[in-house]
Amino acid sequence: MTWGEGNGLKSQGSYLDPPQFYSFLQNRVVVLFRPKFGATDADQPEFSLALNKTQNHETVGYHLSINSTFYDRFSQMAIKVGERLKHDPIRLRFTSVHADGKTQTILKRGLNQGIADIISPCFTPSAATVILYEKLDISVTEVENRRCVRVTWTGLDNEPKLVCMIMLPETSMVHDLVWELSELVQLTPTGTGRLRVFGVAKDGGNKTVYTGSELIRDIPDSVELFGEEIPRELVL
């Protein structure tokens, strides 16, 4: 085997000597990947991958573009998932699900995390380790400076009508979200023409109506957002 052939196999995650292979077997962990949003289908399948938990989260050189000389230290996990989904790995974002089944943490690049660090909060002996994935249209680097906010529009009668995905800088306020939402929804012709956003904890917690001055980045991922048209009786 030539040096080039061996280097190619290593870049694909293959092990070239017995100690490396047995280390993988000893530290092998199976992770279940599910789509974060939307139903499971052919485009967004649910699948499992075997990972080495001693693998550093950012040890694999990944070529961003065949026309670029820039190499990014990118996640081995992202590359493997990208191969499975046939999707550019730098356009994948992951969210870990903790053992309680409720707490979620978006995984960010650049933290030099190992696979063991990623899965430790979500490990439970009686259930599979689950990581949620999102297929993005732009690079995860660009997304990490912004936030994709999911808002369910309920209109005036408090019935879900439309799910809107709105990308905003993390420093945006809720009133910026309300403005963007107003461009996407249809208001009642004889209504107030005013919108508001409220949040409900996914575990069934209380409804929180936002004033508009809150920062988008301070709203936890565990809160589900809704938009509604303000009825006339609530307008002063």
C-alpha atoms as a PDB file:
ATOM      1  CA  MET A   1       0.000   0.000   0.000  1.00  0.00           C
ATOM      2  CA  THR A   2       1.370   3.414  -0.966  1.00  0.00           C
ATOM      3  CA  TRP A   3       1.500   6.374   1.407  1.00  0.00           C
ATOM      4  CA  GLY A   4      -1.248   8.064  -0.611  1.00  0.00           C
ATOM      5  CA  GLU A   5      -3.519   5.015  -0.396  1.00  0.00           C
ATOM      6  CA  GLY A   6      -2.993   4.734   3.349  1.00  0.00           C
ATOM      7  CA  ASN A   7      -3.649   8.430   3.882  1.00  0.00           C
ATOM      8  CA  GLY A   8      -6.841   8.124   1.856  1.00  0.00           C
ATOM      9  CA  LEU A   9      -8.070   5.235   3.987  1.00  0.00           C
ATOM     10  CA  LYS A  10      -7.284   7.129   7.184  1.00  0.00           C
ATOM     11  CA  SER A  11      -9.266  10.136   5.945  1.00  0.00           C
ATOM     12  CA  GLN A  12     -12.243   7.811   5.497  1.00  0.00           C
ATOM     13  CA  GLY A  13     -12.028   6.675   9.102  1.00  0.00           C
ATOM     14  CA  SER A  14     -10.371   3.306   8.394  1.00  0.00           C
ATOM     15  CA  TYR A  15      -7.850   1.767  10.809  1.00  0.00           C
ATOM     16  CA  LEU A  16      -4.513   0.674   9.395  1.00  0.00           C
ATOM     17  CA  ASP A  17      -3.110  -1.330  12.309  1.00  0.00           C
ATOM     18  CA  PRO A  18      -4.547  -3.741  14.929  1.00  0.00           C
ATOM     19  CA  PRO A  19      -4.047  -1.460  17.993  1.00  0.00           C
ATOM     20  CA  GLN A  20      -6.086   1.299  16.366  1.00  0.00           C
ATOM     21  CA  PHE A  21      -8.802  -1.146  15.365  1.00  0.00           C
ATOM     22  CA  TYR A  22      -9.064  -2.732  18.819  1.00  0.00           C
ATOM     23  CA  SER A  23      -9.118   0.719  20.408  1.00  0.00           C
ATOM     24  CA  PHE A  24     -12.109   1.518  18.208  1.00  0.00           C
ATOM     25  CA  LEU A  25     -13.874  -1.680  19.267  1.00  0.00           C
ATOM     26  CA  GLN A  26     -13.256  -0.889  22.921  1.00  0.00           C
ATOM     27  CA  ASN A  27     -14.524   2.684  22.611  1.00  0.00           C
ATOM     28  CA  ARG A  28     -17.249   2.078  20.054  1.00  0.00           C
ATOM     29  CA  VAL A  29     -20.545   3.835  20.716  1.00  0.00           C
ATOM     30  CA  VAL A  30     -23.692   3.664  18.585  1.00  0.00           C
ATOM     31  CA  VAL A  31     -25.515   6.962  18.127  1.00  0.00           C
ATOM     32  CA  LEU A  32     -29.045   7.280  16.757  1.00  0.00           C
ATOM     33  CA  PHE A  33     -29.534  10.275  14.454  1.00  0.00           C
ATOM     34  CA  ARG A  34     -32.974  11.789  13.881  1.00  0.00           C
ATOM     35  CA  PRO A  35     -34.156  14.901  11.994  1.00  0.00           C
ATOM     36  CA  LYS A  36     -34.749  17.820  14.353  1.00  0.00           C
ATOM     37  CA  PHE A  37     -37.679  19.192  12.390  1.00  0.00           C
ATOM     38  CA  GLY A  38     -40.251  17.475  10.218  1.00  0.00           C
ATOM     39  CA  ALA A  39     -41.240  13.862   9.819  1.00  0.00           C
ATOM     40  CA  THR A  40     -38.801  11.061   9.122  1.00  0.00           C
ATOM     41  CA  ASP A  41     -38.738  10.255   5.401  1.00  0.00           C
ATOM     42  CA  ALA A  42     -36.377   9.317   2.578  1.00  0.00           C
ATOM     43  CA  ASP A  43     -34.834  12.798   2.570  1.00  0.00           C
ATOM     44  CA  GLN A  44     -34.593  12.965   6.385  1.00  0.00           C
ATOM     45  CA  PRO A  45     -34.082   9.385   7.565  1.00  0.00           C
ATOM     46  CA  GLU A  46     -33.481   8.054  11.053  1.00  0.00           C
ATOM     47  CA  PHE A  47     -30.283   5.999  11.200  1.00  0.00           C
ATOM     48  CA  SER A  48     -27.511   4.776  13.504  1.00  0.00           C
ATOM     49  CA  LEU A  49     -23.750   5.189  13.204  1.00  0.00           C
ATOM     50  CA  ALA A  50     -20.899   3.604  15.156  1.00  0.00           C
ATOM     51  CA  LEU A  51     -18.472   6.263  16.410  1.00  0.00           C
ATOM     52  CA  ASN A  52     -15.254   6.137  18.410  1.00  0.00           C
ATOM     53  CA  LYS A  53     -15.894   8.097  21.600  1.00  0.00           C
ATOM     54  CA  THR A  54     -12.179   8.894  21.942  1.00  0.00           C
ATOM     55  CA  GLN A  55     -12.244  10.633  18.566  1.00  0.00           C
ATOM     56  CA  ASN A  56     -11.672  14.342  18.929  1.00  0.00           C
ATOM     57  CA  HIS A  57     -14.628  16.340  17.666  1.00  0.00           C
ATOM     58  CA  GLU A  58     -12.414  18.400  15.332  1.00  0.00           C
ATOM     59  CA  THR A  59      -9.504  16.294  14.140  1.00  0.00           C
ATOM     60  CA  VAL A  60     -10.403  15.653  10.537  1.00  0.00           C
ATOM     61  CA  GLY A  61      -9.327  17.998   7.752  1.00  0.00           C
ATOM     62  CA  TYR A  62     -12.310  18.703   5.521  1.00  0.00           C
ATOM     63  CA  HIS A  63     -11.987  20.419   2.144  1.00  0.00           C
ATOM     64  CA  LEU A  64     -14.751  22.989   1.914  1.00  0.00           C
ATOM     65  CA  SER A  65     -14.571  23.483  -1.843  1.00  0.00           C
ATOM     66  CA  ILE A  66     -12.695  21.889  -4.714  1.00  0.00           C
ATOM     67  CA  ASN A  67     -11.855  25.450  -5.826  1.00  0.00           C
ATOM     68  CA  SER A  68     -10.548  26.502  -2.420  1.00  0.00           C
ATOM     69  CA  THR A  69      -7.219  25.911  -0.696  1.00  0.00           C
ATOM     70  CA  PHE A  70      -8.794  26.430   2.730  1.00  0.00           C
ATOM     71  CA  TYR A  71      -9.072  23.338   4.916  1.00  0.00           C
ATOM     72  CA  ASP A  72     -11.351  23.436   7.908  1.00  0.00           C
ATOM     73  CA  ARG A  73     -10.888  21.234  10.967  1.00  0.00           C
ATOM     74  CA  PHE A  74     -14.293  19.664  10.867  1.00  0.00           C
ATOM     75  CA  SER A  75     -16.138  17.080  12.866  1.00  0.00           C
ATOM     76  CA  GLN A  76     -15.631  13.398  12.093  1.00  0.00           C
ATOM     77  CA  MET A  77     -19.234  12.940  13.109  1.00  0.00           C
ATOM     78  CA  ALA A  78     -20.430  15.549  10.606  1.00  0.00           C
ATOM     79  CA  ILE A  79     -18.470  13.915   7.804  1.00  0.00           C
ATOM     80  CA  LYS A  80     -19.924  10.493   8.547  1.00  0.00           C
ATOM     81  CA  VAL A  81     -23.475  11.855   8.783  1.00  0.00           C
ATOM     82  CA  GLY A  82     -22.931  13.900   5.617  1.00  0.00           C
ATOM     83  CA  GLU A  83     -21.888  10.757   3.750  1.00  0.00           C
ATOM     84  CA  ARG A  84     -24.991   8.958   4.992  1.00  0.00           C
ATOM     85  CA  LEU A  85     -27.329  11.810   4.028  1.00  0.00           C
ATOM     86  CA  LYS A  86     -25.433  12.765   0.856  1.00  0.00           C
ATOM     87  CA  HIS A  87     -25.330  16.316   2.195  1.00  0.00           C
ATOM     88  CA  ASP A  88     -22.381  18.714   2.569  1.00  0.00           C
ATOM     89  CA  PRO A  89     -21.156  18.122   6.160  1.00  0.00           C
ATOM     90  CA  ILE A  90     -20.396  21.793   6.715  1.00  0.00           C
ATOM     91  CA  ARG A  91     -24.115  22.395   6.131  1.00  0.00           C
ATOM     92  CA  LEU A  92     -25.183  20.105   8.950  1.00  0.00           C
ATOM     93  CA  ARG A  93     -26.014  21.214  12.486  1.00  0.00           C
ATOM     94  CA  PHE A  94     -26.457  18.873  15.448  1.00  0.00           C
ATOM     95  CA  THR A  95     -28.391  19.041  18.699  1.00  0.00           C
ATOM     96  CA  SER A  96     -27.792  16.642  21.572  1.00  0.00           C
ATOM     97  CA  VAL A  97     -30.764  15.331  23.549  1.00  0.00           C
ATOM     98  CA  HIS A  98     -30.011  14.855  27.238  1.00  0.00           C
ATOM     99  CA  ALA A  99     -30.970  11.764  29.180  1.00  0.00           C
ATOM    100  CA  ASP A 100     -34.107  13.469  30.529  1.00  0.00           C
ATOM    101  CA  GLY A 101     -35.463  13.545  26.966  1.00  0.00           C
ATOM    102  CA  LYS A 102     -36.262  17.268  27.210  1.00  0.00           C
ATOM    103  CA  THR A 103     -33.071  19.287  27.545  1.00  0.00           C
ATOM    104  CA  GLN A 104     -31.402  19.998  24.212  1.00  0.00           C
ATOM    105  CA  THR A 105     -28.041  21.576  23.424  1.00  0.00           C
ATOM    106  CA  ILE A 106     -26.953  22.764  19.968  1.00  0.00           C
ATOM    107  CA  LEU A 107     -23.427  21.522  19.267  1.00  0.00           C
ATOM    108  CA  LYS A 108     -21.073  24.245  18.085  1.00  0.00           C
ATOM    109  CA  ARG A 109     -17.860  23.962  16.166  1.00  0.00           C
ATOM    110  CA  GLY A 110     -14.585  25.287  17.524  1.00  0.00           C
ATOM    111  CA  LEU A 111     -15.035  23.935  21.068  1.00  0.00           C
ATOM    112  CA  ASN A 112     -12.538  21.092  20.532  1.00  0.00           C
ATOM    113  CA  GLN A 113     -15.029  18.596  21.911  1.00  0.00           C
ATOM    114  CA  GLY A 114     -14.535  14.853  21.817  1.00  0.00           C
ATOM    115  CA  ILE A 115     -17.326  12.452  20.941  1.00  0.00           C
ATOM    116  CA  ALA A 116     -17.378  11.398  24.610  1.00  0.00           C
ATOM    117  CA  ASP A 117     -17.989  15.038  25.647  1.00  0.00           C
ATOM    118  CA  ILE A 118     -20.890  15.266  23.207  1.00  0.00           C
ATOM    119  CA  ILE A 119     -22.681  12.104  24.257  1.00  0.00           C
ATOM    120  CA  SER A 120     -22.027  12.168  28.023  1.00  0.00           C
ATOM    121  CA  PRO A 121     -25.011  14.427  28.934  1.00  0.00           C
ATOM    122  CA  CYS A 122     -27.364  12.327  26.805  1.00  0.00           C
ATOM    123  CA  PHE A 123     -26.143   8.884  27.845  1.00  0.00           C
ATOM    124  CA  THR A 124     -28.460   6.530  29.677  1.00  0.00           C
ATOM    125  CA  PRO A 125     -27.838   2.771  30.014  1.00  0.00           C
ATOM    126  CA  SER A 126     -31.417   1.857  29.102  1.00  0.00           C
ATOM    127  CA  ALA A 127     -31.836   3.927  25.940  1.00  0.00           C
ATOM    128  CA  ALA A 128     -29.997   4.832  22.754  1.00  0.00           C
ATOM    129  CA  THR A 129     -27.936   8.010  22.581  1.00  0.00           C
ATOM    130  CA  VAL A 130     -29.891  10.367  20.306  1.00  0.00           C
ATOM    131  CA  ILE A 131     -28.531  13.313  18.338  1.00  0.00           C
ATOM    132  CA  LEU A 132     -30.794  15.461  16.170  1.00  0.00           C
ATOM    133  CA  TYR A 133     -29.601  16.853  12.858  1.00  0.00           C
ATOM    134  CA  GLU A 134     -30.603  19.737  10.593  1.00  0.00           C
ATOM    135  CA  LYS A 135     -29.810  19.974   6.868  1.00  0.00           C
ATOM    136  CA  LEU A 136     -28.948  23.624   6.264  1.00  0.00           C
ATOM    137  CA  ASP A 137     -28.797  25.670   3.073  1.00  0.00           C
ATOM    138  CA  ILE A 138     -25.789  27.660   4.295  1.00  0.00           C
ATOM    139  CA  SER A 139     -22.643  26.717   6.219  1.00  0.00           C
ATOM    140  CA  VAL A 140     -22.911  25.994   9.924  1.00  0.00           C
ATOM    141  CA  THR A 141     -20.261  28.688  10.529  1.00  0.00           C
ATOM    142  CA  GLU A 142     -22.615  31.280   9.102  1.00  0.00           C
ATOM    143  CA  VAL A 143     -25.549  29.856  11.023  1.00  0.00           C
ATOM    144  CA  GLU A 144     -23.701  29.945  14.358  1.00  0.00           C
ATOM    145  CA  ASN A 145     -23.600  33.730  14.121  1.00  0.00           C
ATOM    146  CA  ARG A 146     -27.320  33.710  13.455  1.00  0.00           C
ATOM    147  CA  ARG A 147     -30.295  31.845  14.861  1.00  0.00           C
ATOM    148  CA  CYS A 148     -32.977  30.016  12.942  1.00  0.00           C
ATOM    149  CA  VAL A 149     -36.192  30.694  14.844  1.00  0.00           C
ATOM    150  CA  ARG A 150     -39.197  28.423  14.373  1.00  0.00           C
ATOM    151  CA  VAL A 151     -42.536  30.180  14.877  1.00  0.00           C
ATOM    152  CA  THR A 152     -45.983  28.611  14.511  1.00  0.00           C
ATOM    153  CA  TRP A 153     -48.476  31.188  13.261  1.00  0.00           C
ATOM    154  CA  THR A 154     -51.905  30.826  14.884  1.00  0.00           C
ATOM    155  CA  GLY A 155     -53.627  33.929  13.526  1.00  0.00           C
ATOM    156  CA  LEU A 156     -56.572  35.459  15.327  1.00  0.00           C
ATOM    157  CA  ASP A 157     -58.365  32.250  16.343  1.00  0.00           C
ATOM    158  CA  ASN A 158     -55.373  30.551  18.041  1.00  0.00           C
ATOM    159  CA  GLU A 159     -55.282  27.665  15.533  1.00  0.00           C
ATOM    160  CA  PRO A 160     -51.968  26.557  13.958  1.00  0.00           C
ATOM    161  CA  LYS A 161     -51.911  27.653  10.320  1.00  0.00           C
ATOM    162  CA  LEU A 162     -48.303  27.979   9.222  1.00  0.00           C
ATOM    163  CA  VAL A 163     -44.813  27.143  10.479  1.00  0.00           C
ATOM    164  CA  CYS A 164     -42.257  29.856   9.679  1.00  0.00           C
ATOM    165  CA  MET A 165     -38.473  29.415   9.867  1.00  0.00           C
ATOM    166  CA  ILE A 166     -36.874  32.836  10.308  1.00  0.00           C
ATOM    167  CA  MET A 167     -33.108  33.430  10.309  1.00  0.00           C
ATOM    168  CA  LEU A 168     -31.947  36.347  12.450  1.00  0.00           C
ATOM    169  CA  PRO A 169     -28.662  37.559  13.993  1.00  0.00           C
ATOM    170  CA  GLU A 170     -28.317  36.315  17.563  1.00  0.00           C
ATOM    171  CA  THR A 171     -28.327  39.919  18.782  1.00  0.00           C
ATOM    172  CA  SER A 172     -31.815  40.536  17.335  1.00  0.00           C
ATOM    173  CA  MET A 173     -34.753  41.283  19.594  1.00  0.00           C
ATOM    174  CA  VAL A 174     -38.212  39.772  19.574  1.00  0.00           C
ATOM    175  CA  HIS A 175     -39.619  42.874  17.859  1.00  0.00           C
ATOM    176  CA  ASP A 176     -37.289  42.073  14.914  1.00  0.00           C
ATOM    177  CA  LEU A 177     -38.805  38.594  14.853  1.00  0.00           C
ATOM    178  CA  VAL A 178     -42.316  40.082  14.883  1.00  0.00           C
ATOM    179  CA  TRP A 179     -41.436  42.305  11.913  1.00  0.00           C
ATOM    180  CA  GLU A 180     -40.074  39.386   9.885  1.00  0.00           C
ATOM    181  CA  LEU A 181     -43.120  37.295  10.783  1.00  0.00           C
ATOM    182  CA  SER A 182     -45.468  40.052   9.604  1.00  0.00           C
ATOM    183  CA  GLU A 183     -43.915  39.754   6.135  1.00  0.00           C
ATOM    184  CA  LEU A 184     -44.761  36.046   5.941  1.00  0.00           C
ATOM    185  CA  VAL A 185     -48.308  35.761   7.270  1.00  0.00           C
ATOM    186  CA  GLN A 186     -51.749  36.962   6.233  1.00  0.00           C
ATOM    187  CA  LEU A 187     -53.599  39.169   8.675  1.00  0.00           C
ATOM    188  CA  THR A 188     -57.344  39.578   9.084  1.00  0.00           C
ATOM    189  CA  PRO A 189     -58.486  42.461   6.784  1.00  0.00           C
ATOM    190  CA  THR A 190     -60.637  44.005   9.516  1.00  0.00           C
ATOM    191  CA  GLY A 191     -58.269  43.161  12.374  1.00  0.00           C
ATOM    192  CA  THR A 192     -55.821  45.279  14.340  1.00  0.00           C
ATOM    193  CA  GLY A 193     -52.906  44.573  12.036  1.00  0.00           C
ATOM    194  CA  ARG A 194     -50.724  43.976  15.098  1.00  0.00           C
ATOM    195  CA  LEU A 195     -48.807  40.827  15.991  1.00  0.00           C
ATOM    196  CA  ARG A 196     -47.152  39.405  19.057  1.00  0.00           C
ATOM    197  CA  VAL A 197     -45.042  36.359  19.860  1.00  0.00           C
ATOM    198  CA  PHE A 198     -45.430  34.107  22.870  1.00  0.00           C
ATOM    199  CA  GLY A 199     -43.556  31.055  24.086  1.00  0.00           C
ATOM    200  CA  VAL A 200     -44.673  27.803  25.675  1.00  0.00           C
ATOM    201  CA  ALA A 201     -42.244  25.359  27.283  1.00  0.00           C
ATOM    202  CA  LYS A 202     -42.239  22.024  25.475  1.00  0.00           C
ATOM    203  CA  ASP A 203     -42.942  20.247  28.753  1.00  0.00           C
ATOM    204  CA  GLY A 204     -46.302  22.025  28.986  1.00  0.00           C
ATOM    205  CA  GLY A 205     -45.226  25.018  31.030  1.00  0.00           C
ATOM    206  CA  ASN A 206     -46.883  28.420  31.272  1.00  0.00           C
ATOM    207  CA  LYS A 207     -47.427  30.746  28.321  1.00  0.00           C
ATOM    208  CA  THR A 208     -45.023  33.706  28.213  1.00  0.00           C
ATOM    209  CA  VAL A 209     -45.997  36.719  26.103  1.00  0.00           C
ATOM    210  CA  TYR A 210     -42.900  38.633  24.956  1.00  0.00           C
ATOM    211  CA  THR A 211     -42.793  42.426  25.091  1.00  0.00           C
ATOM    212  CA  GLY A 212     -40.488  42.686  22.071  1.00  0.00           C
ATOM    213  CA  SER A 213     -37.370  43.861  23.897  1.00  0.00           C
ATOM    214  CA  GLU A 214     -36.091  40.359  24.705  1.00  0.00           C
ATOM    215  CA  LEU A 215     -32.981  39.094  22.912  1.00  0.00           C
ATOM    216  CA  ILE A 216     -33.506  36.143  20.578  1.00  0.00           C
ATOM    217  CA  ARG A 217     -30.411  34.417  21.961  1.00  0.00           C
ATOM    218  CA  ASP A 218     -31.900  34.417  25.475  1.00  0.00           C
ATOM    219  CA  ILE A 219     -34.930  32.315  24.489  1.00  0.00           C
ATOM    220  CA  PRO A 220     -34.121  28.659  25.368  1.00  0.00           C
ATOM    221  CA  ASP A 221     -34.400  25.948  22.721  1.00  0.00           C
ATOM    222  CA  SER A 222     -36.827  24.203  25.073  1.00  0.00           C
ATOM    223  CA  VAL A 223     -39.416  26.952  24.433  1.00  0.00           C
ATOM    224  CA  GLU A 224     -41.760  26.621  21.453  1.00  0.00           C
ATOM    225  CA  LEU A 225     -42.656  29.946  19.842  1.00  0.00           C
ATOM    226  CA  PHE A 226     -46.049  31.003  18.478  1.00  0.00           C
ATOM    227  CA  GLY A 227     -47.210  34.122  16.692  1.00  0.00           C
ATOM    228  CA  GLU A 228     -50.714  35.525  16.863  1.00  0.00           C
ATOM    229  CA  GLU A 229     -52.707  38.524  15.721  1.00  0.00           C
ATOM    230  CA  ILE A 230     -53.612  40.724  18.694  1.00  0.00           C
ATOM    231  CA  PRO A 231     -57.419  40.930  19.015  1.00  0.00           C
ATOM    232  CA  ARG A 232     -59.101  44.322  19.321  1.00  0.00           C
ATOM    233  CA  GLU A 233     -60.138  43.793  22.944  1.00  0.00           C
ATOM    234  CA  LEU A 234     -56.451  43.608  23.939  1.00  0.00           C
ATOM    235  CA  VAL A 235     -55.412  46.756  22.112  1.00  0.00           C
ATOM    236  CA  LEU A 236     -55.480  49.821  24.327  1.00  0.00           C
END
